[in-house]
Protein backbone atom coordinates (compact mmCIF):
# COMPACT_ATOMS: atom_id res chain seq x y z
CA MET A 1 -44.51 4.73 78.73
CA LYS A 2 -42.71 3.63 82.00
CA VAL A 3 -43.04 -0.14 80.94
CA LEU A 4 -41.51 0.62 77.59
CA LYS A 5 -38.61 2.62 79.45
CA CYS A 6 -38.07 -0.17 81.81
CA ILE A 7 -37.75 -2.77 79.07
CA SER A 8 -35.47 -0.51 77.10
CA MET A 9 -33.25 0.01 80.26
CA ILE A 10 -33.03 -3.69 80.80
CA CYS A 11 -31.77 -4.01 77.19
CA PHE A 12 -29.28 -1.33 78.01
CA PHE A 13 -27.76 -3.18 80.82
CA CYS A 14 -27.98 -6.55 78.98
CA PHE A 15 -25.67 -5.13 76.41
CA PHE A 16 -23.67 -3.10 78.88
CA ALA A 17 -21.75 -6.13 80.12
CA VAL A 18 -20.50 -6.94 76.74
CA LEU A 19 -19.71 -3.49 75.99
CA VAL A 20 -17.55 -2.89 79.09
CA ILE A 21 -15.40 -5.88 78.08
CA GLY A 22 -14.24 -3.92 75.08
CA CYS A 23 -13.63 -0.84 77.08
CA GLY A 24 -16.61 0.62 75.47
CA GLY A 25 -17.03 -1.39 72.43
CA GLN A 26 -18.82 1.27 70.42
CA THR A 27 -16.81 4.24 71.56
CA GLY A 28 -14.24 4.22 68.83
CA ALA A 29 -11.33 4.06 71.07
CA LYS A 30 -8.35 1.77 70.26
CA ASN A 31 -10.37 -1.03 71.52
CA ASN A 32 -9.81 -4.71 70.91
CA VAL A 33 -13.35 -6.07 71.25
CA LEU A 34 -16.75 -5.10 69.42
CA ALA A 35 -20.12 -6.40 70.14
CA VAL A 36 -23.48 -6.19 68.30
CA SER A 37 -26.78 -8.22 68.13
CA SER A 38 -29.19 -9.00 65.30
CA PHE A 39 -32.57 -10.95 65.65
CA GLY A 40 -31.63 -12.84 68.71
CA GLN A 41 -28.04 -13.48 67.68
CA PHE A 42 -24.97 -12.05 69.32
CA PHE A 43 -21.82 -11.39 67.60
CA ILE A 44 -18.23 -10.40 69.12
CA GLY A 45 -15.38 -9.17 67.02
CA GLU A 46 -11.93 -9.24 68.35
CA ILE A 47 -9.24 -7.15 66.56
CA VAL A 48 -6.11 -9.05 65.92
CA ASN A 49 -3.39 -7.79 63.67
CA ASP A 50 -5.63 -5.32 62.03
CA THR A 51 -8.40 -7.88 61.30
CA VAL A 52 -11.83 -8.24 62.98
CA GLN A 53 -12.12 -11.91 63.81
CA VAL A 54 -15.84 -12.66 64.47
CA TYR A 55 -17.64 -15.17 66.74
CA ALA A 56 -21.33 -15.69 66.83
CA ASN A 57 -23.89 -17.05 69.21
CA GLY A 58 -27.46 -17.94 68.61
CA GLY A 59 -28.04 -19.52 71.90
CA ARG A 60 -26.21 -22.71 71.58
CA GLY A 61 -22.69 -21.61 72.13
CA TRP A 62 -19.99 -19.48 70.23
CA SER A 63 -18.84 -20.41 66.95
CA ARG A 64 -15.96 -18.87 64.89
CA GLU A 65 -17.13 -17.05 61.73
CA GLU A 66 -14.22 -16.64 59.42
CA ASN A 67 -16.45 -15.65 56.46
CA PHE A 68 -17.40 -12.54 58.53
CA ASP A 69 -13.87 -11.35 59.19
CA LEU A 70 -12.85 -8.02 58.02
CA THR A 71 -9.35 -6.61 57.44
CA LEU A 72 -9.15 -3.03 58.57
CA PRO A 73 -7.37 -0.09 56.86
CA LYS A 74 -3.82 0.54 57.98
CA GLY A 75 -3.52 3.41 60.42
CA HIS A 76 -6.99 3.19 61.96
CA LYS A 77 -7.39 4.80 65.27
CA GLY A 78 -10.67 3.20 66.37
CA VAL A 79 -13.37 0.97 65.29
CA LEU A 80 -17.20 1.12 65.67
CA ALA A 81 -19.75 -1.45 64.94
CA VAL A 82 -23.57 -1.57 64.62
CA SER A 83 -26.33 -3.74 63.13
CA SER A 84 -29.61 -2.91 61.48
CA PHE A 85 -32.26 -5.28 60.09
CA GLY A 86 -29.89 -8.11 59.63
CA GLN A 87 -27.08 -5.95 58.16
CA PHE A 88 -23.68 -5.35 59.82
CA PHE A 89 -21.67 -2.19 59.66
CA ILE A 90 -18.20 -1.41 60.75
CA GLY A 91 -16.53 1.98 60.86
CA ALA A 92 -12.90 2.23 60.88
CA ILE A 93 -11.58 5.88 62.04
CA VAL A 94 -8.73 6.92 59.85
CA ASN A 95 -7.55 10.61 59.68
CA ASP A 96 -10.55 11.74 61.41
CA THR A 97 -12.93 10.03 59.15
CA VAL A 98 -15.28 7.02 59.72
CA GLN A 99 -14.75 4.79 56.84
CA VAL A 100 -17.72 2.41 56.57
CA TYR A 101 -17.94 -1.21 55.51
CA ALA A 102 -21.30 -3.08 55.25
CA ASN A 103 -22.18 -7.00 55.26
CA GLY A 104 -25.49 -8.18 54.54
CA GLY A 105 -24.42 -11.79 54.59
CA ARG A 106 -22.53 -11.96 51.39
CA GLY A 107 -19.22 -10.45 52.42
CA TRP A 108 -18.04 -6.97 53.22
CA SER A 109 -18.19 -4.07 51.01
CA ARG A 110 -16.78 -0.62 51.21
CA GLU A 111 -19.46 2.16 51.52
CA GLU A 112 -17.80 5.39 50.65
CA ASP A 113 -21.31 7.15 50.65
CA PHE A 114 -21.55 6.59 54.39
CA ASP A 115 -18.09 7.97 55.38
CA LEU A 116 -18.27 10.71 57.98
CA THR A 117 -15.74 13.41 58.66
CA LEU A 118 -15.38 13.88 62.30
CA PRO A 119 -14.97 17.23 64.08
CA LYS A 120 -11.44 18.23 64.95
CA GLY A 121 -10.29 17.51 68.63
CA HIS A 122 -12.77 14.78 69.17
CA LYS A 123 -11.81 12.55 72.16
CA GLY A 124 -14.21 9.57 71.36
CA VAL A 125 -16.85 8.32 69.20
CA LEU A 126 -20.13 6.57 69.81
CA ALA A 127 -22.45 4.65 67.24
CA VAL A 128 -26.06 3.39 67.37
CA SER A 129 -28.67 2.43 64.98
CA SER A 130 -32.44 2.54 65.40
CA PHE A 131 -35.14 1.51 62.76
CA GLY A 132 -32.90 1.87 59.80
CA GLN A 133 -31.25 5.24 60.85
CA PHE A 134 -27.76 5.50 62.02
CA PHE A 135 -26.39 7.86 64.60
CA ILE A 136 -22.75 8.76 65.41
CA GLY A 137 -21.78 10.92 68.47
CA ALA A 138 -18.39 12.54 68.52
CA ILE A 139 -17.15 13.60 72.06
CA VAL A 140 -15.85 17.06 71.83
CA ASN A 141 -15.00 19.17 74.94
CA ASP A 142 -17.28 16.93 77.09
CA THR A 143 -20.14 17.30 74.73
CA VAL A 144 -21.67 14.30 72.46
CA GLN A 145 -22.17 15.96 69.09
CA VAL A 146 -24.65 13.95 67.22
CA TYR A 147 -24.90 13.26 63.45
CA ALA A 148 -27.79 11.11 61.81
CA ASN A 149 -28.03 9.22 58.48
CA GLY A 150 -31.23 7.75 57.35
CA GLY A 151 -29.86 6.80 53.97
CA ARG A 152 -29.57 10.23 52.33
CA GLY A 153 -26.31 11.40 53.93
CA TRP A 154 -25.27 12.74 57.24
CA SER A 155 -26.87 15.62 59.02
CA ARG A 156 -25.82 17.46 62.21
CA GLU A 157 -28.37 16.97 64.97
CA GLU A 158 -27.72 19.76 67.53
CA ASP A 159 -30.93 19.04 69.33
CA PHE A 160 -29.58 15.54 70.26
CA ASP A 161 -26.25 16.80 71.81
CA LEU A 162 -25.63 15.86 75.32
CA THR A 163 -23.24 17.68 77.81
CA LEU A 164 -21.42 14.92 79.66
CA PRO A 165 -20.60 15.34 83.51
CA LYS A 166 -17.25 16.45 84.50
CA GLY A 167 -14.75 13.83 85.27
CA HIS A 168 -16.29 11.01 83.24
CA LYS A 169 -13.95 8.16 82.32
CA GLY A 170 -15.75 6.47 79.66
CA VAL A 171 -19.01 6.64 77.62
CA LEU A 172 -21.47 3.99 76.33
CA ALA A 173 -24.36 4.37 73.90
CA VAL A 174 -27.12 1.98 72.88
CA SER A 175 -30.61 2.27 71.37
CA SER A 176 -33.77 0.27 72.12
CA PHE A 177 -37.39 0.58 70.80
CA GLY A 178 -36.73 3.91 69.39
CA GLN A 179 -35.19 5.36 72.59
CA PHE A 180 -31.49 6.40 73.03
CA PHE A 181 -29.38 5.92 76.22
CA ILE A 182 -26.00 7.23 77.07
CA GLY A 183 -24.10 6.08 80.23
CA ALA A 184 -21.23 8.18 81.47
CA ILE A 185 -18.95 6.41 83.81
CA VAL A 186 -18.09 8.71 86.88
CA ASN A 187 -16.36 7.46 89.96
CA ASP A 188 -17.30 3.65 89.31
CA THR A 189 -20.77 4.59 88.57
CA VAL A 190 -22.61 4.46 85.17
CA GLN A 191 -24.77 7.68 85.12
CA VAL A 192 -27.53 7.10 82.72
CA TYR A 193 -29.27 9.59 80.43
CA ALA A 194 -32.32 8.92 78.08
CA ASN A 195 -33.74 10.40 75.08
CA GLY A 196 -37.02 9.31 73.35
CA GLY A 197 -37.02 12.21 70.94
CA ARG A 198 -37.90 15.12 73.40
CA GLY A 199 -34.62 15.81 74.78
CA TRP A 200 -32.19 14.24 77.29
CA SER A 201 -33.36 13.31 80.85
CA ARG A 202 -31.17 12.02 83.64
CA GLU A 203 -32.38 8.61 84.92
CA GLU A 204 -30.76 8.19 88.31
CA ASP A 205 -32.85 5.02 89.15
CA PHE A 206 -30.90 3.18 86.35
CA ASP A 207 -27.54 3.98 87.52
CA LEU A 208 -25.19 1.22 88.00
CA VAL A 209 -22.42 1.13 90.70
CA PHE A 210 -19.54 -1.23 90.00
CA ILE A 211 -18.59 -3.46 92.76
CA ARG A 212 -14.90 -3.45 93.53
CA LYS A 213 -13.35 -6.30 95.68
């Protein structure tokens, strides 16, 4: 179990560097950069003039992928991105609703059945996927309120809620091998929390302190 957690944590920090570039690429803030991976390939989307411009890297350098570009709806207040089994999903936050788009390799389609209405007063939104399930966390009053969708609609998962530390300046989320990790940025330190299905635990050994020069 410790080995699995170590591998998962390594994956967390491998993605962490990419996520920070986008100021928390999956947090649903008015960020300009998104990042996901799928089967060994990495994808970065830069939001330019309400369009997600996509770049891909399978290990031999970055290439521009115009066919994967997505025009976002007007008035969006944030963007989320996840991948699952070779499919890509983008959620645009419009009027407190996550409007979902999917792409399995043949172009983007609007998926109204996957839309999620967020709670009032949310200050941020996280998104991850794991083994075909999708999870969205809305940050309300310093608590991550979790919603899950395995293909049959969204359900509220109170048992997965996490109370964030006071004074946090940003929040990251990722899943790996069925485990979930949240990093809260407090005083230049990423404080890590893990959940393998039995509740959240604080993982001080995996905290990361930013080096300021």
